[in-house]
Amino acid sequence: MNPSEPTRQLAGMKAFILIWIGQFVSILGSAMTGFAIPIYIFSETERVRELALLGLAFMLPLILLSPIAGTIVDRNNRKKMMILSDLAAGLTTIAVFILVRADSLEIWHLYITNAINGAFQTLQWPAYSAAISVMIDKKQYGRAHGLTSLAQSGSGIFAPVLAGALLSFIGLQGILLIDIITFIFAISALLFIFVPNPPRTVEGQKGQGSFWRETGYGFRYIWERPSLLGLQLIFFTGNFFATWPSPPRPP
């Protein structure tokens, strides 16, 4: 254990398990909302155009900000970035919940909340993956990756079942309330874990400088390593075709 590590916070694999539980619960709640929101939109408009625009509102900020998300995460504390991303998603869900409760929700409100959520979502995965890489030993990477994939796939399986079963009983308000509770749980879990700062490598020192210098260095680093570039292109292609038919992450 690092001597500078706070004794009251979990570290290592125990900390990862706590993060994983929090993120799994949060993803499950968000996926339930993702099932309920399109049903609400279609019942209000009886058109699919609004669903397409909702997806665009989420994906456009995600695409535009993704190239600089890594630099933002590297220049800030990983734990704080994860909390900020979860907090932004939670606040947008609270805003939608208040509007639904007041019977004032309009479709354009969902476009705004989805755009905000998409912007902050760009920080979630880079911060999460960077934090995990310094929290646990390399021999645990395979286990961590398997659990992460399980959380993502499991939420996609169970969320529609749970949302479909509960929607007729508790309505959209109830689903949103569950989502809010899961965000609170995820953020609370992050407060009890310790994320060490990564060691400064030689490559990292070469790229130090202004925000845009560090961003450009990251692209050059990948470009100068053909094997790494090829791996990134494989991931890009796989994620493109795997994500295309999926619904956007809800507010």
C-alpha atoms as a PDB file:
ATOM      1  CA  MET A   1       0.000   0.000   0.000  1.00  0.00           C
ATOM      2  CA  ASN A   2       1.236   3.461  -0.840  1.00  0.00           C
ATOM      3  CA  PRO A   3       2.210   5.365   2.341  1.00  0.00           C
ATOM      4  CA  SER A   4       0.398   8.421   1.060  1.00  0.00           C
ATOM      5  CA  GLU A   5      -2.800   6.461   0.557  1.00  0.00           C
ATOM      6  CA  PRO A   6      -5.674   7.479   2.848  1.00  0.00           C
ATOM      7  CA  THR A   7      -6.259   4.662   5.340  1.00  0.00           C
ATOM      8  CA  ARG A   8     -10.034   5.126   5.296  1.00  0.00           C
ATOM      9  CA  GLN A   9     -10.340   4.571   1.546  1.00  0.00           C
ATOM     10  CA  LEU A  10     -10.315   1.270  -0.305  1.00  0.00           C
ATOM     11  CA  ALA A  11      -7.524   0.574  -2.770  1.00  0.00           C
ATOM     12  CA  GLY A  12      -6.554  -2.077  -5.278  1.00  0.00           C
ATOM     13  CA  MET A  13      -8.988  -4.789  -6.342  1.00  0.00           C
ATOM     14  CA  LYS A  14     -11.361  -4.043  -3.453  1.00  0.00           C
ATOM     15  CA  ALA A  15     -11.686  -0.473  -4.689  1.00  0.00           C
ATOM     16  CA  PHE A  16     -12.270  -1.699  -8.243  1.00  0.00           C
ATOM     17  CA  ILE A  17     -15.045  -4.047  -7.107  1.00  0.00           C
ATOM     18  CA  LEU A  18     -16.753  -1.159  -5.319  1.00  0.00           C
ATOM     19  CA  ILE A  19     -16.456   1.051  -8.422  1.00  0.00           C
ATOM     20  CA  TRP A  20     -17.726  -1.799 -10.585  1.00  0.00           C
ATOM     21  CA  ILE A  21     -20.802  -2.345  -8.416  1.00  0.00           C
ATOM     22  CA  GLY A  22     -21.575   1.372  -8.451  1.00  0.00           C
ATOM     23  CA  GLN A  23     -21.138   1.675 -12.205  1.00  0.00           C
ATOM     24  CA  PHE A  24     -23.144  -1.486 -12.894  1.00  0.00           C
ATOM     25  CA  VAL A  25     -26.062  -0.180 -10.830  1.00  0.00           C
ATOM     26  CA  SER A  26     -25.777   3.231 -12.513  1.00  0.00           C
ATOM     27  CA  ILE A  27     -25.632   1.759 -16.029  1.00  0.00           C
ATOM     28  CA  LEU A  28     -28.626  -0.421 -15.224  1.00  0.00           C
ATOM     29  CA  GLY A  29     -30.642   2.597 -14.056  1.00  0.00           C
ATOM     30  CA  SER A  30     -29.637   4.618 -17.120  1.00  0.00           C
ATOM     31  CA  ALA A  31     -30.534   1.761 -19.451  1.00  0.00           C
ATOM     32  CA  MET A  32     -33.964   1.519 -17.820  1.00  0.00           C
ATOM     33  CA  THR A  33     -34.469   5.208 -18.511  1.00  0.00           C
ATOM     34  CA  GLY A  34     -33.200   4.588 -22.047  1.00  0.00           C
ATOM     35  CA  PHE A  35     -36.010   2.075 -22.503  1.00  0.00           C
ATOM     36  CA  ALA A  36     -38.696   4.341 -21.047  1.00  0.00           C
ATOM     37  CA  ILE A  37     -37.804   7.656 -22.743  1.00  0.00           C
ATOM     38  CA  PRO A  38     -38.308   6.471 -26.364  1.00  0.00           C
ATOM     39  CA  ILE A  39     -41.682   5.002 -25.375  1.00  0.00           C
ATOM     40  CA  TYR A  40     -42.632   8.384 -23.885  1.00  0.00           C
ATOM     41  CA  ILE A  41     -41.468  10.275 -26.997  1.00  0.00           C
ATOM     42  CA  PHE A  42     -43.311   7.988 -29.402  1.00  0.00           C
ATOM     43  CA  SER A  43     -46.481   8.127 -27.319  1.00  0.00           C
ATOM     44  CA  GLU A  44     -46.333  11.932 -27.431  1.00  0.00           C
ATOM     45  CA  THR A  45     -45.416  12.400 -31.100  1.00  0.00           C
ATOM     46  CA  GLU A  46     -46.135   9.071 -32.852  1.00  0.00           C
ATOM     47  CA  ARG A  47     -43.077   9.823 -35.010  1.00  0.00           C
ATOM     48  CA  VAL A  48     -39.591   8.334 -35.086  1.00  0.00           C
ATOM     49  CA  ARG A  49     -37.886  11.535 -36.260  1.00  0.00           C
ATOM     50  CA  GLU A  50     -37.660  12.777 -32.672  1.00  0.00           C
ATOM     51  CA  LEU A  51     -35.935   9.556 -31.643  1.00  0.00           C
ATOM     52  CA  ALA A  52     -33.307  10.077 -34.336  1.00  0.00           C
ATOM     53  CA  LEU A  53     -32.757  13.680 -33.237  1.00  0.00           C
ATOM     54  CA  LEU A  54     -32.453  12.524 -29.632  1.00  0.00           C
ATOM     55  CA  GLY A  55     -29.658  10.173 -30.670  1.00  0.00           C
ATOM     56  CA  LEU A  56     -27.978  12.943 -32.668  1.00  0.00           C
ATOM     57  CA  ALA A  57     -28.150  15.301 -29.678  1.00  0.00           C
ATOM     58  CA  PHE A  58     -26.248  12.756 -27.607  1.00  0.00           C
ATOM     59  CA  MET A  59     -23.731  11.567 -30.208  1.00  0.00           C
ATOM     60  CA  LEU A  60     -22.697  14.911 -31.729  1.00  0.00           C
ATOM     61  CA  PRO A  61     -21.058  16.326 -28.545  1.00  0.00           C
ATOM     62  CA  LEU A  62     -19.603  12.883 -27.885  1.00  0.00           C
ATOM     63  CA  ILE A  63     -17.939  12.808 -31.314  1.00  0.00           C
ATOM     64  CA  LEU A  64     -16.731  16.415 -31.214  1.00  0.00           C
ATOM     65  CA  LEU A  65     -15.225  16.262 -27.714  1.00  0.00           C
ATOM     66  CA  SER A  66     -13.778  12.736 -27.806  1.00  0.00           C
ATOM     67  CA  PRO A  67     -10.472  13.801 -29.448  1.00  0.00           C
ATOM     68  CA  ILE A  68      -9.660  16.080 -26.498  1.00  0.00           C
ATOM     69  CA  ALA A  69     -11.262  14.037 -23.712  1.00  0.00           C
ATOM     70  CA  GLY A  70      -8.038  12.145 -22.993  1.00  0.00           C
ATOM     71  CA  THR A  71      -6.099  15.363 -22.498  1.00  0.00           C
ATOM     72  CA  ILE A  72      -8.752  16.740 -20.147  1.00  0.00           C
ATOM     73  CA  VAL A  73      -8.619  13.555 -18.068  1.00  0.00           C
ATOM     74  CA  ASP A  74      -4.806  13.469 -18.020  1.00  0.00           C
ATOM     75  CA  ARG A  75      -4.628  17.049 -16.755  1.00  0.00           C
ATOM     76  CA  ASN A  76      -7.073  16.393 -13.924  1.00  0.00           C
ATOM     77  CA  ASN A  77      -7.740  13.890 -11.160  1.00  0.00           C
ATOM     78  CA  ARG A  78      -9.296  10.682 -12.542  1.00  0.00           C
ATOM     79  CA  LYS A  79     -11.581  10.206  -9.587  1.00  0.00           C
ATOM     80  CA  LYS A  80     -12.911  13.756  -9.854  1.00  0.00           C
ATOM     81  CA  MET A  81     -13.532  13.286 -13.577  1.00  0.00           C
ATOM     82  CA  MET A  82     -15.607  10.159 -12.931  1.00  0.00           C
ATOM     83  CA  ILE A  83     -17.573  11.941 -10.218  1.00  0.00           C
ATOM     84  CA  LEU A  84     -18.109  14.952 -12.510  1.00  0.00           C
ATOM     85  CA  SER A  85     -19.395  12.744 -15.334  1.00  0.00           C
ATOM     86  CA  ASP A  86     -21.789  10.851 -13.051  1.00  0.00           C
ATOM     87  CA  LEU A  87     -22.900  14.080 -11.400  1.00  0.00           C
ATOM     88  CA  ALA A  88     -23.715  15.726 -14.741  1.00  0.00           C
ATOM     89  CA  ALA A  89     -25.747  12.696 -15.838  1.00  0.00           C
ATOM     90  CA  GLY A  90     -27.531  12.631 -12.483  1.00  0.00           C
ATOM     91  CA  LEU A  91     -28.399  16.327 -12.602  1.00  0.00           C
ATOM     92  CA  THR A  92     -29.854  16.046 -16.115  1.00  0.00           C
ATOM     93  CA  THR A  93     -31.976  13.114 -14.948  1.00  0.00           C
ATOM     94  CA  ILE A  94     -33.171  15.153 -11.967  1.00  0.00           C
ATOM     95  CA  ALA A  95     -34.092  18.002 -14.334  1.00  0.00           C
ATOM     96  CA  VAL A  96     -36.136  15.626 -16.512  1.00  0.00           C
ATOM     97  CA  PHE A  97     -37.785  14.147 -13.408  1.00  0.00           C
ATOM     98  CA  ILE A  98     -38.841  17.610 -12.186  1.00  0.00           C
ATOM     99  CA  LEU A  99     -40.239  18.518 -15.624  1.00  0.00           C
ATOM    100  CA  VAL A 100     -42.188  15.260 -15.846  1.00  0.00           C
ATOM    101  CA  ARG A 101     -43.577  15.728 -12.347  1.00  0.00           C
ATOM    102  CA  ALA A 102     -44.649  19.276 -13.216  1.00  0.00           C
ATOM    103  CA  ASP A 103     -46.186  18.003 -16.471  1.00  0.00           C
ATOM    104  CA  SER A 104     -43.974  20.458 -18.357  1.00  0.00           C
ATOM    105  CA  LEU A 105     -41.604  18.142 -20.215  1.00  0.00           C
ATOM    106  CA  GLU A 106     -41.129  19.001 -23.895  1.00  0.00           C
ATOM    107  CA  ILE A 107     -39.180  17.059 -26.480  1.00  0.00           C
ATOM    108  CA  TRP A 108     -36.616  19.841 -26.840  1.00  0.00           C
ATOM    109  CA  HIS A 109     -35.831  19.557 -23.138  1.00  0.00           C
ATOM    110  CA  LEU A 110     -34.616  16.015 -23.826  1.00  0.00           C
ATOM    111  CA  TYR A 111     -32.422  17.240 -26.679  1.00  0.00           C
ATOM    112  CA  ILE A 112     -30.655  19.657 -24.317  1.00  0.00           C
ATOM    113  CA  THR A 113     -30.215  17.171 -21.481  1.00  0.00           C
ATOM    114  CA  ASN A 114     -28.977  14.507 -23.907  1.00  0.00           C
ATOM    115  CA  ALA A 115     -26.434  16.932 -25.412  1.00  0.00           C
ATOM    116  CA  ILE A 116     -25.137  17.830 -21.938  1.00  0.00           C
ATOM    117  CA  ASN A 117     -24.988  14.179 -21.013  1.00  0.00           C
ATOM    118  CA  GLY A 118     -23.153  13.299 -24.217  1.00  0.00           C
ATOM    119  CA  ALA A 119     -20.564  16.016 -23.595  1.00  0.00           C
ATOM    120  CA  PHE A 120     -19.746  14.786 -20.093  1.00  0.00           C
ATOM    121  CA  GLN A 121     -19.933  11.143 -21.135  1.00  0.00           C
ATOM    122  CA  THR A 122     -16.737  11.700 -23.161  1.00  0.00           C
ATOM    123  CA  LEU A 123     -14.873  11.938 -19.854  1.00  0.00           C
ATOM    124  CA  GLN A 124     -16.371   8.827 -18.247  1.00  0.00           C
ATOM    125  CA  TRP A 125     -14.637   5.994 -20.075  1.00  0.00           C
ATOM    126  CA  PRO A 126     -11.154   7.635 -20.396  1.00  0.00           C
ATOM    127  CA  ALA A 127     -11.212   8.480 -16.668  1.00  0.00           C
ATOM    128  CA  TYR A 128     -12.523   5.038 -15.702  1.00  0.00           C
ATOM    129  CA  SER A 129     -10.010   3.081 -17.801  1.00  0.00           C
ATOM    130  CA  ALA A 130      -7.102   5.306 -16.742  1.00  0.00           C
ATOM    131  CA  ALA A 131      -8.052   4.953 -13.075  1.00  0.00           C
ATOM    132  CA  ILE A 132      -8.368   1.159 -13.257  1.00  0.00           C
ATOM    133  CA  SER A 133      -4.970   0.825 -14.945  1.00  0.00           C
ATOM    134  CA  VAL A 134      -3.198   2.378 -11.928  1.00  0.00           C
ATOM    135  CA  MET A 135      -5.445   0.924  -9.206  1.00  0.00           C
ATOM    136  CA  ILE A 136      -4.911  -2.792  -9.789  1.00  0.00           C
ATOM    137  CA  ASP A 137      -2.015  -5.077 -10.732  1.00  0.00           C
ATOM    138  CA  LYS A 138      -1.545  -6.008 -14.383  1.00  0.00           C
ATOM    139  CA  LYS A 139      -2.369  -9.630 -13.588  1.00  0.00           C
ATOM    140  CA  GLN A 140      -5.895  -8.438 -12.648  1.00  0.00           C
ATOM    141  CA  TYR A 141      -6.504  -6.579 -15.936  1.00  0.00           C
ATOM    142  CA  GLY A 142      -8.257  -9.552 -17.551  1.00  0.00           C
ATOM    143  CA  ARG A 143     -10.560  -9.979 -14.575  1.00  0.00           C
ATOM    144  CA  ALA A 144     -11.372  -6.263 -14.529  1.00  0.00           C
ATOM    145  CA  HIS A 145     -12.097  -6.231 -18.260  1.00  0.00           C
ATOM    146  CA  GLY A 146     -14.393  -9.233 -17.923  1.00  0.00           C
ATOM    147  CA  LEU A 147     -16.350  -7.630 -15.102  1.00  0.00           C
ATOM    148  CA  THR A 148     -16.634  -4.369 -17.041  1.00  0.00           C
ATOM    149  CA  SER A 149     -17.988  -6.200 -20.095  1.00  0.00           C
ATOM    150  CA  LEU A 150     -20.382  -8.101 -17.840  1.00  0.00           C
ATOM    151  CA  ALA A 151     -21.766  -4.846 -16.437  1.00  0.00           C
ATOM    152  CA  GLN A 152     -22.335  -3.402 -19.908  1.00  0.00           C
ATOM    153  CA  SER A 153     -23.861  -6.546 -21.387  1.00  0.00           C
ATOM    154  CA  GLY A 154     -25.851  -7.379 -18.269  1.00  0.00           C
ATOM    155  CA  SER A 155     -27.474  -3.959 -18.166  1.00  0.00           C
ATOM    156  CA  GLY A 156     -28.471  -4.348 -21.820  1.00  0.00           C
ATOM    157  CA  ILE A 157     -30.200  -7.632 -21.005  1.00  0.00           C
ATOM    158  CA  PHE A 158     -31.866  -6.885 -17.682  1.00  0.00           C
ATOM    159  CA  ALA A 159     -32.743  -3.188 -18.033  1.00  0.00           C
ATOM    160  CA  PRO A 160     -35.466  -3.630 -20.715  1.00  0.00           C
ATOM    161  CA  VAL A 161     -36.974  -6.496 -18.724  1.00  0.00           C
ATOM    162  CA  LEU A 162     -37.074  -4.493 -15.496  1.00  0.00           C
ATOM    163  CA  ALA A 163     -38.219  -1.262 -17.164  1.00  0.00           C
ATOM    164  CA  GLY A 164     -40.904  -3.036 -19.151  1.00  0.00           C
ATOM    165  CA  ALA A 165     -42.208  -4.764 -16.036  1.00  0.00           C
ATOM    166  CA  LEU A 166     -42.176  -1.607 -13.907  1.00  0.00           C
ATOM    167  CA  LEU A 167     -43.227   1.048 -16.423  1.00  0.00           C
ATOM    168  CA  SER A 168     -46.938   0.250 -16.270  1.00  0.00           C
ATOM    169  CA  PHE A 169     -46.868   0.368 -12.453  1.00  0.00           C
ATOM    170  CA  ILE A 170     -44.622   3.324 -11.597  1.00  0.00           C
ATOM    171  CA  GLY A 171     -44.604   5.223 -14.894  1.00  0.00           C
ATOM    172  CA  LEU A 172     -41.807   7.362 -16.316  1.00  0.00           C
ATOM    173  CA  GLN A 173     -41.451   9.253 -13.026  1.00  0.00           C
ATOM    174  CA  GLY A 174     -40.735   6.046 -11.153  1.00  0.00           C
ATOM    175  CA  ILE A 175     -38.138   4.913 -13.694  1.00  0.00           C
ATOM    176  CA  LEU A 176     -36.399   8.299 -13.498  1.00  0.00           C
ATOM    177  CA  LEU A 177     -36.421   8.145  -9.704  1.00  0.00           C
ATOM    178  CA  ILE A 178     -34.723   4.738  -9.820  1.00  0.00           C
ATOM    179  CA  ASP A 179     -32.140   6.209 -12.201  1.00  0.00           C
ATOM    180  CA  ILE A 180     -31.464   9.097  -9.806  1.00  0.00           C
ATOM    181  CA  ILE A 181     -30.978   6.698  -6.899  1.00  0.00           C
ATOM    182  CA  THR A 182     -28.498   4.633  -8.928  1.00  0.00           C
ATOM    183  CA  PHE A 183     -26.471   7.762  -9.761  1.00  0.00           C
ATOM    184  CA  ILE A 184     -26.313   8.671  -6.084  1.00  0.00           C
ATOM    185  CA  PHE A 185     -25.112   5.153  -5.309  1.00  0.00           C
ATOM    186  CA  ALA A 186     -22.411   5.315  -8.021  1.00  0.00           C
ATOM    187  CA  ILE A 187     -21.093   8.693  -6.857  1.00  0.00           C
ATOM    188  CA  SER A 188     -21.152   7.573  -3.208  1.00  0.00           C
ATOM    189  CA  ALA A 189     -19.090   4.493  -4.108  1.00  0.00           C
ATOM    190  CA  LEU A 190     -16.431   6.697  -5.701  1.00  0.00           C
ATOM    191  CA  LEU A 191     -16.049   8.682  -2.474  1.00  0.00           C
ATOM    192  CA  PHE A 192     -14.769   5.592  -0.645  1.00  0.00           C
ATOM    193  CA  ILE A 193     -12.014   4.558  -3.059  1.00  0.00           C
ATOM    194  CA  PHE A 194      -8.435   5.737  -3.556  1.00  0.00           C
ATOM    195  CA  VAL A 195      -7.130   6.379  -7.078  1.00  0.00           C
ATOM    196  CA  PRO A 196      -3.339   6.878  -7.141  1.00  0.00           C
ATOM    197  CA  ASN A 197      -1.756   9.343  -9.519  1.00  0.00           C
ATOM    198  CA  PRO A 198      -0.043   7.603 -12.459  1.00  0.00           C
ATOM    199  CA  PRO A 199       3.761   7.736 -12.641  1.00  0.00           C
ATOM    200  CA  ARG A 200       5.164  10.262 -15.093  1.00  0.00           C
ATOM    201  CA  THR A 201       6.777   8.350 -17.974  1.00  0.00           C
ATOM    202  CA  VAL A 202       9.491   9.550 -20.351  1.00  0.00           C
ATOM    203  CA  GLU A 203       6.897   9.802 -23.143  1.00  0.00           C
ATOM    204  CA  GLY A 204       4.635  11.796 -20.850  1.00  0.00           C
ATOM    205  CA  GLN A 205       7.393  14.249 -20.065  1.00  0.00           C
ATOM    206  CA  LYS A 206       8.077  14.731 -23.776  1.00  0.00           C
ATOM    207  CA  GLY A 207       4.457  15.655 -24.381  1.00  0.00           C
ATOM    208  CA  GLN A 208       4.177  18.131 -21.525  1.00  0.00           C
ATOM    209  CA  GLY A 209       3.139  21.647 -22.398  1.00  0.00           C
ATOM    210  CA  SER A 210      -0.013  23.464 -23.340  1.00  0.00           C
ATOM    211  CA  PHE A 211      -3.373  21.740 -23.674  1.00  0.00           C
ATOM    212  CA  TRP A 212      -3.166  21.575 -27.470  1.00  0.00           C
ATOM    213  CA  ARG A 213       0.466  20.447 -27.418  1.00  0.00           C
ATOM    214  CA  GLU A 214      -0.467  17.488 -25.218  1.00  0.00           C
ATOM    215  CA  THR A 215      -3.463  16.672 -27.418  1.00  0.00           C
ATOM    216  CA  GLY A 216      -1.338  16.722 -30.565  1.00  0.00           C
ATOM    217  CA  TYR A 217       1.350  14.602 -28.938  1.00  0.00           C
ATOM    218  CA  GLY A 218      -1.211  11.920 -28.157  1.00  0.00           C
ATOM    219  CA  PHE A 219      -2.180  11.651 -31.824  1.00  0.00           C
ATOM    220  CA  ARG A 220       1.479  11.622 -32.918  1.00  0.00           C
ATOM    221  CA  TYR A 221       2.280   8.928 -30.369  1.00  0.00           C
ATOM    222  CA  ILE A 222      -0.348   6.630 -31.893  1.00  0.00           C
ATOM    223  CA  TRP A 223       0.533   7.521 -35.490  1.00  0.00           C
ATOM    224  CA  GLU A 224       4.244   6.698 -35.008  1.00  0.00           C
ATOM    225  CA  ARG A 225       3.385   3.194 -33.744  1.00  0.00           C
ATOM    226  CA  PRO A 226       1.734   1.234 -36.589  1.00  0.00           C
ATOM    227  CA  SER A 227       0.724  -1.698 -34.375  1.00  0.00           C
ATOM    228  CA  LEU A 228      -1.031   0.614 -31.918  1.00  0.00           C
ATOM    229  CA  LEU A 229      -2.657   2.535 -34.775  1.00  0.00           C
ATOM    230  CA  GLY A 230      -3.914  -0.710 -36.279  1.00  0.00           C
ATOM    231  CA  LEU A 231      -5.354  -1.782 -32.932  1.00  0.00           C
ATOM    232  CA  GLN A 232      -7.149   1.566 -32.607  1.00  0.00           C
ATOM    233  CA  LEU A 233      -8.612   1.162 -36.107  1.00  0.00           C
ATOM    234  CA  ILE A 234      -9.874  -2.321 -35.218  1.00  0.00           C
ATOM    235  CA  PHE A 235     -11.534  -0.940 -32.077  1.00  0.00           C
ATOM    236  CA  PHE A 236     -12.974   1.954 -34.085  1.00  0.00           C
ATOM    237  CA  THR A 237     -14.486  -0.359 -36.689  1.00  0.00           C
ATOM    238  CA  GLY A 238     -15.854  -2.785 -34.113  1.00  0.00           C
ATOM    239  CA  ASN A 239     -17.357  -0.051 -31.954  1.00  0.00           C
ATOM    240  CA  PHE A 240     -18.885   1.684 -34.974  1.00  0.00           C
ATOM    241  CA  PHE A 241     -20.815  -1.368 -36.106  1.00  0.00           C
ATOM    242  CA  ALA A 242     -21.590  -2.559 -32.572  1.00  0.00           C
ATOM    243  CA  THR A 243     -22.901   0.815 -31.407  1.00  0.00           C
ATOM    244  CA  TRP A 244     -24.804   1.861 -34.518  1.00  0.00           C
ATOM    245  CA  PRO A 245     -28.047  -0.011 -33.759  1.00  0.00           C
ATOM    246  CA  SER A 246     -27.952   0.730 -30.034  1.00  0.00           C
ATOM    247  CA  PRO A 247     -30.092   3.463 -28.400  1.00  0.00           C
ATOM    248  CA  PRO A 248     -28.275   6.498 -27.013  1.00  0.00           C
ATOM    249  CA  ARG A 249     -27.473   6.689 -23.339  1.00  0.00           C
ATOM    250  CA  PRO A 250     -30.357   8.595 -21.778  1.00  0.00           C
ATOM    251  CA  PRO A 251     -30.192  11.760 -19.670  1.00  0.00           C
END
